[in-house]
Each structure stands twice: as C-alpha cells, then as structure tokens.
N, C-alpha and C. Protein backbone atom coordinates (compact mmCIF):
# COMPACT_ATOMS: atom_id res chain seq x y z
N SER A 1 2.14 -13.21 8.92
CA SER A 1 3.27 -12.33 9.16
C SER A 1 2.91 -10.92 8.72
N VAL A 2 3.47 -9.95 9.41
CA VAL A 2 3.24 -8.54 9.08
C VAL A 2 4.60 -7.87 8.95
N LEU A 3 4.80 -7.17 7.83
CA LEU A 3 6.04 -6.44 7.58
C LEU A 3 5.68 -4.96 7.54
N HIS A 4 6.31 -4.18 8.41
CA HIS A 4 6.02 -2.75 8.40
C HIS A 4 7.28 -1.94 8.64
N PRO A 5 7.28 -0.68 8.12
CA PRO A 5 8.46 0.18 8.27
C PRO A 5 8.81 0.40 9.75
N HIS A 6 10.09 0.48 10.00
CA HIS A 6 10.62 0.71 11.34
C HIS A 6 11.78 1.69 11.16
N ARG A 7 12.09 2.47 12.15
CA ARG A 7 13.15 3.48 12.01
C ARG A 7 14.50 2.87 11.65
N ASP A 8 14.71 1.58 11.95
CA ASP A 8 15.99 0.92 11.65
C ASP A 8 15.88 -0.07 10.50
N GLY A 9 14.83 -0.01 9.71
CA GLY A 9 14.63 -0.95 8.60
C GLY A 9 13.16 -1.32 8.50
N PHE A 10 12.89 -2.61 8.52
CA PHE A 10 11.51 -3.10 8.52
C PHE A 10 11.39 -4.16 9.61
N LEU A 11 10.25 -4.19 10.25
CA LEU A 11 9.99 -5.17 11.29
C LEU A 11 9.05 -6.22 10.72
N LEU A 12 9.46 -7.48 10.82
CA LEU A 12 8.63 -8.61 10.41
C LEU A 12 8.12 -9.28 11.66
N GLN A 13 6.81 -9.28 11.85
CA GLN A 13 6.20 -9.95 12.99
C GLN A 13 5.45 -11.17 12.47
N THR A 14 5.74 -12.31 13.05
CA THR A 14 5.06 -13.54 12.66
C THR A 14 4.31 -14.09 13.86
N HIS A 15 3.26 -14.78 13.56
CA HIS A 15 2.42 -15.36 14.61
C HIS A 15 2.33 -16.86 14.37
N PHE A 16 2.76 -17.63 15.33
CA PHE A 16 2.77 -19.08 15.22
C PHE A 16 1.68 -19.67 16.11
N GLY A 17 0.83 -20.51 15.53
CA GLY A 17 -0.19 -21.19 16.32
C GLY A 17 0.42 -22.35 17.08
N ARG A 18 -0.01 -22.52 18.29
CA ARG A 18 0.46 -23.64 19.13
C ARG A 18 -0.64 -24.69 19.22
N PRO A 19 -0.26 -25.92 19.53
CA PRO A 19 -1.26 -27.00 19.63
C PRO A 19 -2.38 -26.72 20.64
N ASP A 20 -2.08 -25.92 21.67
CA ASP A 20 -3.12 -25.63 22.67
C ASP A 20 -4.05 -24.48 22.24
N GLY A 21 -3.87 -23.97 21.01
CA GLY A 21 -4.72 -22.90 20.50
C GLY A 21 -4.18 -21.51 20.74
N SER A 22 -3.15 -21.38 21.56
CA SER A 22 -2.56 -20.06 21.80
C SER A 22 -1.65 -19.68 20.63
N THR A 23 -1.20 -18.45 20.64
CA THR A 23 -0.34 -17.94 19.58
C THR A 23 0.94 -17.38 20.17
N ARG A 24 2.04 -17.66 19.50
CA ARG A 24 3.33 -17.09 19.89
C ARG A 24 3.74 -16.12 18.79
N THR A 25 4.18 -14.93 19.20
CA THR A 25 4.60 -13.91 18.25
C THR A 25 6.11 -13.79 18.29
N GLN A 26 6.70 -13.73 17.11
CA GLN A 26 8.15 -13.57 16.98
C GLN A 26 8.38 -12.36 16.08
N ALA A 27 9.37 -11.53 16.40
CA ALA A 27 9.68 -10.35 15.61
C ALA A 27 11.11 -10.41 15.10
N TYR A 28 11.31 -9.93 13.88
CA TYR A 28 12.62 -9.90 13.25
C TYR A 28 12.82 -8.50 12.67
N LEU A 29 13.95 -7.88 12.94
CA LEU A 29 14.29 -6.60 12.35
C LEU A 29 15.11 -6.87 11.10
N LEU A 30 14.62 -6.41 9.96
CA LEU A 30 15.27 -6.68 8.68
C LEU A 30 15.83 -5.39 8.10
N PRO A 31 16.95 -5.48 7.37
CA PRO A 31 17.53 -4.27 6.77
C PRO A 31 16.60 -3.71 5.70
N ALA A 32 16.53 -2.40 5.61
CA ALA A 32 15.57 -1.74 4.72
C ALA A 32 15.74 -2.14 3.26
N ASP A 33 16.98 -2.25 2.79
CA ASP A 33 17.19 -2.47 1.36
C ASP A 33 16.83 -3.88 0.89
N HIS A 34 16.72 -4.86 1.78
CA HIS A 34 16.39 -6.22 1.36
C HIS A 34 15.31 -6.85 2.24
N ALA A 35 14.51 -6.02 2.88
CA ALA A 35 13.54 -6.52 3.86
C ALA A 35 12.52 -7.46 3.23
N LEU A 36 11.93 -7.07 2.12
CA LEU A 36 10.90 -7.91 1.52
C LEU A 36 11.47 -9.23 1.04
N ALA A 37 12.60 -9.19 0.36
CA ALA A 37 13.22 -10.43 -0.13
C ALA A 37 13.55 -11.35 1.05
N ALA A 38 14.06 -10.79 2.13
CA ALA A 38 14.38 -11.60 3.31
C ALA A 38 13.12 -12.20 3.92
N ALA A 39 12.07 -11.40 4.04
CA ALA A 39 10.81 -11.89 4.62
C ALA A 39 10.22 -13.00 3.76
N LEU A 40 10.25 -12.83 2.44
CA LEU A 40 9.71 -13.85 1.55
C LEU A 40 10.52 -15.14 1.60
N ALA A 41 11.83 -15.02 1.78
CA ALA A 41 12.67 -16.21 1.89
C ALA A 41 12.43 -16.93 3.22
N MET A 42 12.20 -16.18 4.28
CA MET A 42 11.97 -16.78 5.60
C MET A 42 10.62 -17.48 5.69
N PHE A 43 9.59 -16.83 5.15
CA PHE A 43 8.21 -17.33 5.25
C PHE A 43 7.52 -17.14 3.89
N PRO A 44 7.75 -18.05 2.94
CA PRO A 44 7.16 -17.87 1.61
C PRO A 44 5.62 -17.92 1.66
N PRO A 45 4.97 -16.84 1.25
CA PRO A 45 3.50 -16.80 1.30
C PRO A 45 2.87 -17.20 -0.04
N ASP A 46 1.59 -17.51 0.00
CA ASP A 46 0.82 -17.71 -1.22
C ASP A 46 0.24 -16.39 -1.70
N VAL A 47 -0.11 -15.54 -0.73
CA VAL A 47 -0.69 -14.24 -1.05
C VAL A 47 -0.22 -13.22 -0.01
N VAL A 48 -0.10 -11.98 -0.44
CA VAL A 48 0.30 -10.89 0.45
C VAL A 48 -0.78 -9.83 0.40
N HIS A 49 -1.18 -9.34 1.58
CA HIS A 49 -2.13 -8.24 1.66
C HIS A 49 -1.34 -7.01 2.09
N ILE A 50 -1.29 -6.03 1.22
CA ILE A 50 -0.61 -4.77 1.53
C ILE A 50 -1.67 -3.81 2.04
N GLN A 51 -1.60 -3.51 3.32
CA GLN A 51 -2.62 -2.64 3.90
C GLN A 51 -2.33 -1.17 3.65
N ASN A 52 -1.07 -0.85 3.41
CA ASN A 52 -0.70 0.54 3.26
C ASN A 52 0.62 0.60 2.52
N LEU A 53 0.69 1.32 1.43
CA LEU A 53 1.94 1.42 0.66
C LEU A 53 2.90 2.45 1.22
N ILE A 54 2.43 3.32 2.10
CA ILE A 54 3.28 4.37 2.64
C ILE A 54 4.47 3.75 3.37
N GLY A 55 5.65 4.20 3.04
CA GLY A 55 6.86 3.71 3.69
C GLY A 55 7.46 2.49 3.01
N HIS A 56 6.72 1.87 2.08
CA HIS A 56 7.23 0.72 1.34
C HIS A 56 7.64 1.16 -0.06
N PRO A 57 8.76 0.68 -0.54
CA PRO A 57 9.13 1.03 -1.92
C PRO A 57 8.15 0.38 -2.89
N LEU A 58 7.73 1.13 -3.92
CA LEU A 58 6.79 0.57 -4.89
C LEU A 58 7.38 -0.63 -5.63
N GLY A 59 8.68 -0.73 -5.68
CA GLY A 59 9.34 -1.89 -6.29
C GLY A 59 9.01 -3.20 -5.58
N SER A 60 8.44 -3.09 -4.38
CA SER A 60 8.03 -4.30 -3.65
C SER A 60 7.04 -5.11 -4.47
N LEU A 61 6.19 -4.43 -5.21
CA LEU A 61 5.21 -5.14 -6.01
C LEU A 61 5.89 -5.95 -7.12
N ASP A 62 6.97 -5.40 -7.69
CA ASP A 62 7.75 -6.16 -8.69
C ASP A 62 8.33 -7.42 -8.07
N GLU A 63 8.86 -7.29 -6.86
CA GLU A 63 9.44 -8.43 -6.15
C GLU A 63 8.40 -9.52 -5.93
N LEU A 64 7.21 -9.13 -5.50
CA LEU A 64 6.15 -10.11 -5.26
C LEU A 64 5.72 -10.79 -6.55
N ARG A 65 5.58 -10.01 -7.61
CA ARG A 65 5.17 -10.58 -8.90
C ARG A 65 6.22 -11.55 -9.43
N SER A 66 7.50 -11.20 -9.27
CA SER A 66 8.56 -12.09 -9.78
C SER A 66 8.57 -13.43 -9.05
N ARG A 67 8.06 -13.46 -7.83
CA ARG A 67 7.99 -14.70 -7.06
C ARG A 67 6.63 -15.38 -7.17
N ARG A 68 5.77 -14.83 -8.04
CA ARG A 68 4.43 -15.38 -8.28
C ARG A 68 3.58 -15.43 -7.01
N VAL A 69 3.71 -14.38 -6.21
CA VAL A 69 2.91 -14.25 -4.99
C VAL A 69 1.69 -13.39 -5.33
N GLY A 70 0.50 -13.85 -4.95
CA GLY A 70 -0.71 -13.06 -5.15
C GLY A 70 -0.67 -11.82 -4.29
N VAL A 71 -1.23 -10.71 -4.79
CA VAL A 71 -1.18 -9.45 -4.06
C VAL A 71 -2.58 -8.84 -3.96
N ILE A 72 -2.98 -8.54 -2.74
CA ILE A 72 -4.19 -7.78 -2.46
C ILE A 72 -3.71 -6.49 -1.81
N ALA A 73 -4.15 -5.36 -2.33
CA ALA A 73 -3.73 -4.07 -1.76
C ALA A 73 -4.95 -3.28 -1.34
N SER A 74 -4.91 -2.75 -0.14
CA SER A 74 -5.99 -1.91 0.36
C SER A 74 -5.70 -0.45 0.05
N ILE A 75 -6.74 0.27 -0.33
CA ILE A 75 -6.61 1.70 -0.54
C ILE A 75 -7.12 2.37 0.73
N HIS A 76 -6.22 2.50 1.72
CA HIS A 76 -6.56 3.17 2.98
C HIS A 76 -6.31 4.66 2.87
N ASP A 77 -5.55 5.03 1.91
CA ASP A 77 -5.17 6.41 1.72
C ASP A 77 -5.02 6.62 0.23
N LEU A 78 -4.63 7.78 -0.17
CA LEU A 78 -4.50 8.06 -1.60
C LEU A 78 -3.05 8.28 -1.98
N TYR A 79 -2.17 7.49 -1.36
CA TYR A 79 -0.73 7.62 -1.55
C TYR A 79 -0.31 7.52 -3.01
N LEU A 80 -0.91 6.66 -3.80
CA LEU A 80 -0.50 6.54 -5.20
C LEU A 80 -0.84 7.78 -6.01
N GLY A 81 -1.72 8.63 -5.48
CA GLY A 81 -2.09 9.87 -6.17
C GLY A 81 -1.14 11.01 -5.87
N CYS A 82 -0.56 10.99 -4.66
CA CYS A 82 0.30 12.08 -4.24
C CYS A 82 1.15 11.62 -3.05
N PRO A 83 2.44 11.95 -3.04
CA PRO A 83 3.26 11.55 -1.89
C PRO A 83 2.79 12.20 -0.58
N HIS A 84 2.04 13.28 -0.68
CA HIS A 84 1.41 13.87 0.50
C HIS A 84 -0.02 13.31 0.53
N HIS A 85 -0.12 12.07 0.94
CA HIS A 85 -1.32 11.25 0.78
C HIS A 85 -2.57 11.78 1.48
N TRP A 86 -2.43 12.73 2.36
CA TRP A 86 -3.63 13.29 3.00
C TRP A 86 -4.42 14.15 2.03
N LEU A 87 -3.74 14.64 1.00
CA LEU A 87 -4.35 15.52 0.01
C LEU A 87 -4.96 16.76 0.66
N LEU A 88 -4.24 17.26 1.65
CA LEU A 88 -4.68 18.45 2.38
C LEU A 88 -3.58 19.50 2.35
N PHE A 89 -3.87 20.65 1.79
CA PHE A 89 -2.92 21.75 1.82
C PHE A 89 -2.84 22.27 3.26
N ARG A 90 -1.64 22.27 3.78
CA ARG A 90 -1.39 22.66 5.17
C ARG A 90 -2.29 21.89 6.15
N ASN A 91 -2.60 20.67 5.75
CA ASN A 91 -3.43 19.75 6.55
C ASN A 91 -4.78 20.33 6.90
N GLU A 92 -5.28 21.23 6.03
CA GLU A 92 -6.58 21.87 6.28
C GLU A 92 -7.49 21.88 5.06
N VAL A 93 -6.97 22.16 3.87
CA VAL A 93 -7.79 22.34 2.68
C VAL A 93 -7.61 21.15 1.74
N ALA A 94 -8.71 20.42 1.48
CA ALA A 94 -8.64 19.23 0.62
C ALA A 94 -8.47 19.62 -0.84
N CYS A 95 -7.65 18.86 -1.56
CA CYS A 95 -7.45 19.15 -2.98
C CYS A 95 -8.19 18.15 -3.87
N GLY A 96 -8.37 16.91 -3.41
CA GLY A 96 -9.08 15.93 -4.21
C GLY A 96 -8.38 15.51 -5.48
N ILE A 97 -7.08 15.64 -5.54
CA ILE A 97 -6.27 15.36 -6.73
C ILE A 97 -6.77 16.21 -7.91
N PRO A 98 -6.35 17.45 -7.95
CA PRO A 98 -6.85 18.37 -8.99
C PRO A 98 -6.33 18.01 -10.39
N ASP A 99 -7.14 18.35 -11.40
CA ASP A 99 -6.71 18.16 -12.79
C ASP A 99 -5.59 19.15 -13.13
N ASP A 100 -5.69 20.35 -12.56
CA ASP A 100 -4.73 21.41 -12.79
C ASP A 100 -3.59 21.28 -11.79
N LEU A 101 -2.38 21.09 -12.27
CA LEU A 101 -1.25 20.91 -11.37
C LEU A 101 -0.72 22.21 -10.78
N GLU A 102 -1.36 23.34 -11.09
CA GLU A 102 -0.94 24.61 -10.49
C GLU A 102 -1.14 24.57 -8.97
N GLY A 103 -2.23 23.97 -8.54
CA GLY A 103 -2.46 23.83 -7.10
C GLY A 103 -1.38 22.97 -6.47
N CYS A 104 -0.97 21.91 -7.16
CA CYS A 104 0.09 21.03 -6.66
C CYS A 104 1.42 21.80 -6.59
N ALA A 105 1.65 22.68 -7.56
CA ALA A 105 2.87 23.48 -7.57
C ALA A 105 2.95 24.39 -6.35
N ARG A 106 1.80 24.86 -5.87
CA ARG A 106 1.78 25.71 -4.67
C ARG A 106 1.85 24.86 -3.39
N CYS A 107 1.21 23.70 -3.43
CA CYS A 107 1.07 22.87 -2.23
C CYS A 107 2.34 22.08 -1.88
N LEU A 108 2.87 21.35 -2.85
CA LEU A 108 3.96 20.41 -2.56
C LEU A 108 5.18 21.04 -1.89
N PRO A 109 5.66 22.20 -2.31
CA PRO A 109 6.81 22.79 -1.60
C PRO A 109 6.52 23.07 -0.13
N VAL A 110 5.27 23.39 0.18
CA VAL A 110 4.89 23.73 1.54
C VAL A 110 4.71 22.48 2.41
N VAL A 111 4.04 21.46 1.87
CA VAL A 111 3.67 20.31 2.70
C VAL A 111 4.74 19.24 2.81
N ASN A 112 5.57 19.09 1.75
CA ASN A 112 6.62 18.07 1.86
C ASN A 112 7.90 18.40 1.12
N GLY A 113 8.07 19.65 0.74
CA GLY A 113 9.30 20.06 0.07
C GLY A 113 9.43 19.55 -1.35
N GLY A 114 8.34 19.06 -1.93
CA GLY A 114 8.37 18.51 -3.29
C GLY A 114 8.04 19.54 -4.35
N ASP A 115 7.96 19.06 -5.59
CA ASP A 115 7.57 19.91 -6.71
C ASP A 115 6.79 19.08 -7.72
N VAL A 116 6.28 19.73 -8.75
CA VAL A 116 5.45 19.05 -9.74
C VAL A 116 6.25 18.01 -10.52
N ALA A 117 7.50 18.28 -10.83
CA ALA A 117 8.32 17.29 -11.54
C ALA A 117 8.44 16.01 -10.71
N GLY A 118 8.66 16.16 -9.42
CA GLY A 118 8.73 15.00 -8.53
C GLY A 118 7.40 14.27 -8.46
N LEU A 119 6.30 15.04 -8.46
CA LEU A 119 4.96 14.44 -8.45
C LEU A 119 4.73 13.62 -9.72
N ARG A 120 5.13 14.17 -10.86
CA ARG A 120 4.98 13.43 -12.13
C ARG A 120 5.80 12.13 -12.10
N ASP A 121 7.03 12.19 -11.60
CA ASP A 121 7.87 10.98 -11.50
C ASP A 121 7.23 9.97 -10.55
N PHE A 122 6.74 10.45 -9.43
CA PHE A 122 6.09 9.59 -8.44
C PHE A 122 4.88 8.88 -9.05
N ARG A 123 4.05 9.64 -9.74
CA ARG A 123 2.86 9.05 -10.37
C ARG A 123 3.23 8.08 -11.48
N ALA A 124 4.28 8.38 -12.23
CA ALA A 124 4.71 7.48 -13.29
C ALA A 124 5.16 6.14 -12.71
N GLU A 125 5.91 6.20 -11.61
CA GLU A 125 6.33 4.95 -10.96
C GLU A 125 5.11 4.18 -10.45
N GLY A 126 4.17 4.87 -9.85
CA GLY A 126 2.95 4.23 -9.36
C GLY A 126 2.12 3.62 -10.47
N ALA A 127 2.06 4.29 -11.63
CA ALA A 127 1.28 3.78 -12.76
C ALA A 127 1.78 2.42 -13.22
N GLY A 128 3.08 2.23 -13.13
CA GLY A 128 3.65 0.94 -13.52
C GLY A 128 3.37 -0.17 -12.53
N GLN A 129 2.84 0.17 -11.38
CA GLN A 129 2.60 -0.82 -10.34
C GLN A 129 1.13 -1.25 -10.22
N VAL A 130 0.21 -0.45 -10.74
CA VAL A 130 -1.22 -0.71 -10.56
C VAL A 130 -1.60 -2.11 -11.02
N ASP A 131 -1.12 -2.53 -12.18
CA ASP A 131 -1.49 -3.84 -12.71
C ASP A 131 -0.77 -5.00 -12.04
N LEU A 132 0.18 -4.71 -11.16
CA LEU A 132 0.87 -5.79 -10.44
C LEU A 132 0.07 -6.30 -9.25
N VAL A 133 -0.99 -5.60 -8.92
CA VAL A 133 -1.85 -6.00 -7.80
C VAL A 133 -3.01 -6.81 -8.37
N ASP A 134 -3.27 -7.96 -7.75
CA ASP A 134 -4.36 -8.82 -8.23
C ASP A 134 -5.72 -8.26 -7.89
N VAL A 135 -5.88 -7.72 -6.68
CA VAL A 135 -7.15 -7.14 -6.25
C VAL A 135 -6.88 -5.90 -5.41
N TRP A 136 -7.53 -4.80 -5.78
CA TRP A 136 -7.48 -3.55 -5.01
C TRP A 136 -8.76 -3.49 -4.18
N VAL A 137 -8.62 -3.31 -2.87
CA VAL A 137 -9.77 -3.23 -1.97
C VAL A 137 -9.83 -1.81 -1.42
N ALA A 138 -11.03 -1.23 -1.47
CA ALA A 138 -11.20 0.15 -1.00
C ALA A 138 -12.43 0.24 -0.11
N PRO A 139 -12.47 1.25 0.77
CA PRO A 139 -13.62 1.42 1.65
C PRO A 139 -14.83 2.02 0.94
N SER A 140 -14.61 2.58 -0.27
CA SER A 140 -15.72 3.19 -1.01
C SER A 140 -15.35 3.26 -2.49
N GLN A 141 -16.36 3.37 -3.31
CA GLN A 141 -16.13 3.55 -4.74
C GLN A 141 -15.46 4.89 -4.99
N SER A 142 -15.76 5.88 -4.16
CA SER A 142 -15.15 7.20 -4.35
C SER A 142 -13.63 7.16 -4.14
N ALA A 143 -13.13 6.29 -3.27
CA ALA A 143 -11.68 6.15 -3.10
C ALA A 143 -11.04 5.62 -4.38
N ILE A 144 -11.68 4.64 -5.00
CA ILE A 144 -11.18 4.11 -6.27
C ILE A 144 -11.27 5.18 -7.35
N ASP A 145 -12.41 5.87 -7.41
CA ASP A 145 -12.60 6.91 -8.43
C ASP A 145 -11.58 8.04 -8.28
N THR A 146 -11.24 8.39 -7.05
CA THR A 146 -10.26 9.47 -6.83
C THR A 146 -8.89 9.05 -7.36
N LEU A 147 -8.45 7.84 -7.05
CA LEU A 147 -7.15 7.39 -7.58
C LEU A 147 -7.19 7.20 -9.09
N ALA A 148 -8.36 6.87 -9.62
CA ALA A 148 -8.50 6.69 -11.06
C ALA A 148 -8.34 8.00 -11.82
N ARG A 149 -8.31 9.11 -11.10
CA ARG A 149 -8.05 10.40 -11.76
C ARG A 149 -6.61 10.47 -12.26
N VAL A 150 -5.71 9.71 -11.64
CA VAL A 150 -4.30 9.74 -12.06
C VAL A 150 -3.75 8.38 -12.47
N HIS A 151 -4.48 7.31 -12.19
CA HIS A 151 -4.02 5.96 -12.55
C HIS A 151 -5.13 5.20 -13.25
N ASP A 152 -4.73 4.36 -14.19
CA ASP A 152 -5.69 3.59 -14.97
C ASP A 152 -6.08 2.33 -14.21
N PHE A 153 -7.28 2.35 -13.62
CA PHE A 153 -7.80 1.19 -12.91
C PHE A 153 -8.78 0.40 -13.80
N GLU A 154 -8.83 0.73 -15.09
CA GLU A 154 -9.80 0.11 -15.99
C GLU A 154 -9.66 -1.41 -16.02
N ASN A 155 -8.45 -1.92 -16.09
CA ASN A 155 -8.23 -3.36 -16.15
C ASN A 155 -7.98 -3.97 -14.77
N ALA A 156 -7.96 -3.14 -13.76
CA ALA A 156 -7.68 -3.62 -12.41
C ALA A 156 -8.93 -4.23 -11.79
N VAL A 157 -8.73 -5.24 -10.97
CA VAL A 157 -9.83 -5.83 -10.23
C VAL A 157 -9.96 -5.03 -8.94
N THR A 158 -11.14 -4.46 -8.72
CA THR A 158 -11.38 -3.67 -7.51
C THR A 158 -12.57 -4.23 -6.75
N ARG A 159 -12.53 -4.10 -5.46
CA ARG A 159 -13.62 -4.51 -4.58
C ARG A 159 -13.83 -3.42 -3.54
N VAL A 160 -15.08 -3.14 -3.25
CA VAL A 160 -15.41 -2.19 -2.20
C VAL A 160 -15.87 -2.98 -0.98
N ILE A 161 -15.15 -2.78 0.11
CA ILE A 161 -15.53 -3.37 1.41
C ILE A 161 -15.57 -2.20 2.38
N PRO A 162 -16.77 -1.71 2.71
CA PRO A 162 -16.89 -0.53 3.57
C PRO A 162 -16.20 -0.71 4.92
N HIS A 163 -15.66 0.39 5.46
CA HIS A 163 -15.06 0.37 6.80
C HIS A 163 -16.07 -0.19 7.78
N GLY A 164 -15.60 -1.00 8.70
CA GLY A 164 -16.46 -1.56 9.72
C GLY A 164 -17.15 -2.85 9.32
N SER A 165 -16.96 -3.28 8.07
CA SER A 165 -17.57 -4.54 7.63
C SER A 165 -16.96 -5.71 8.39
N VAL A 166 -17.80 -6.66 8.74
CA VAL A 166 -17.33 -7.89 9.35
C VAL A 166 -17.39 -8.97 8.31
N ILE A 167 -16.27 -9.59 8.07
CA ILE A 167 -16.19 -10.64 7.06
C ILE A 167 -16.00 -11.96 7.79
N ASP A 168 -17.00 -12.80 7.72
CA ASP A 168 -16.94 -14.10 8.38
C ASP A 168 -16.37 -15.11 7.40
N THR A 169 -15.18 -15.59 7.67
CA THR A 169 -14.55 -16.55 6.80
C THR A 169 -14.74 -17.98 7.27
N GLY A 170 -15.54 -18.14 8.33
CA GLY A 170 -15.77 -19.49 8.87
C GLY A 170 -14.69 -19.88 9.85
N PRO A 171 -14.73 -21.14 10.26
CA PRO A 171 -13.74 -21.59 11.25
C PRO A 171 -12.34 -21.60 10.65
N PRO A 172 -11.32 -21.47 11.48
CA PRO A 172 -9.95 -21.50 10.99
C PRO A 172 -9.65 -22.82 10.30
N GLN A 173 -8.90 -22.73 9.21
CA GLN A 173 -8.48 -23.93 8.48
C GLN A 173 -7.21 -24.47 9.11
N ARG A 174 -7.16 -25.75 9.28
CA ARG A 174 -5.96 -26.37 9.87
C ARG A 174 -5.30 -27.29 8.88
C-alpha cells in the first residue's frame, strides 16, 4: 500500500495479487487529520517505508511507533533540515544548511514566508522524530552528513544505497 498527500486529504493505494499473477489496484481517499490511523487500521503492516516526509505530519512517526510498526525512511531530500527542502535560495543558490542562521533569516521569508524562529521550531520537532525511525536510507553518505548538521544521527541506523542500485530480493514470497 502507498499513502501519499492529495489535495483533498491522503490517497491510499493498495495492490492486491490475484491467483493468476495479475495485480488489482484499489484507491481510497482518506481525511487528512486521520489518514495514517485509518490506513493502519485498514491494512495493518509489519513495516512502513517512508519515501518522502514532505507533506506528511512528523507526528506520523509517533503513530507508527505506538503501533509497533517498523519504520524505514528514505532521505530523498533534506526536508528535516529545512522546510524549504531544496536548500536553494530563490531556487538558484545552494545553502547546504549553514551553521550561521543569518543566511536562513534572509532566505526563509523569500522562499516560503518563514523565519528563523519557525525554522528552530521545525528542527526541534524533527529532532524528536529521528530516533523513531528504525533505518534511515540515503543515496549517499553526504546526504546523511548534511542532515547530521542539524540532527543527531549518532545512534540512528543508516544505510547508503546509491541511486540506481538494483536490489535483488529473490522470488516473491507467497
């Protein structure tokens, strides 16, 4: 099943295998405020892979942990470092998550109407979520190192799987 943000809430897409080997896809539109809880109740998983945190409330990780669901999160972007996850001033100049928040004070009002106080609150909320993920997967060590500038990944389990890697898991389990 895949749960992703939708303009009217969250869309849950599930894929059901048929005896003839084909797959049937079913979609459910869930209300934004209870989408994850509804999805977990409908199709209780053993593990959840979060491919992208953008658009999902960080409290989702608390919900998964409370239900004892394993969590794998991919670092496709640097969203936990900054709500303007591209880390590009005016979508042109890279900041790389600066140590000095003066650059953030100039950038955030322009790129997303934010400010440094909001950035600090955002990062504080994210810091409380890092340890709720069982495994963080990133395309490079530099992606992990960049987020580690603002979050403590010291006790976190991280894995680097470069973009384009083919992972052969063997034949499907039935």
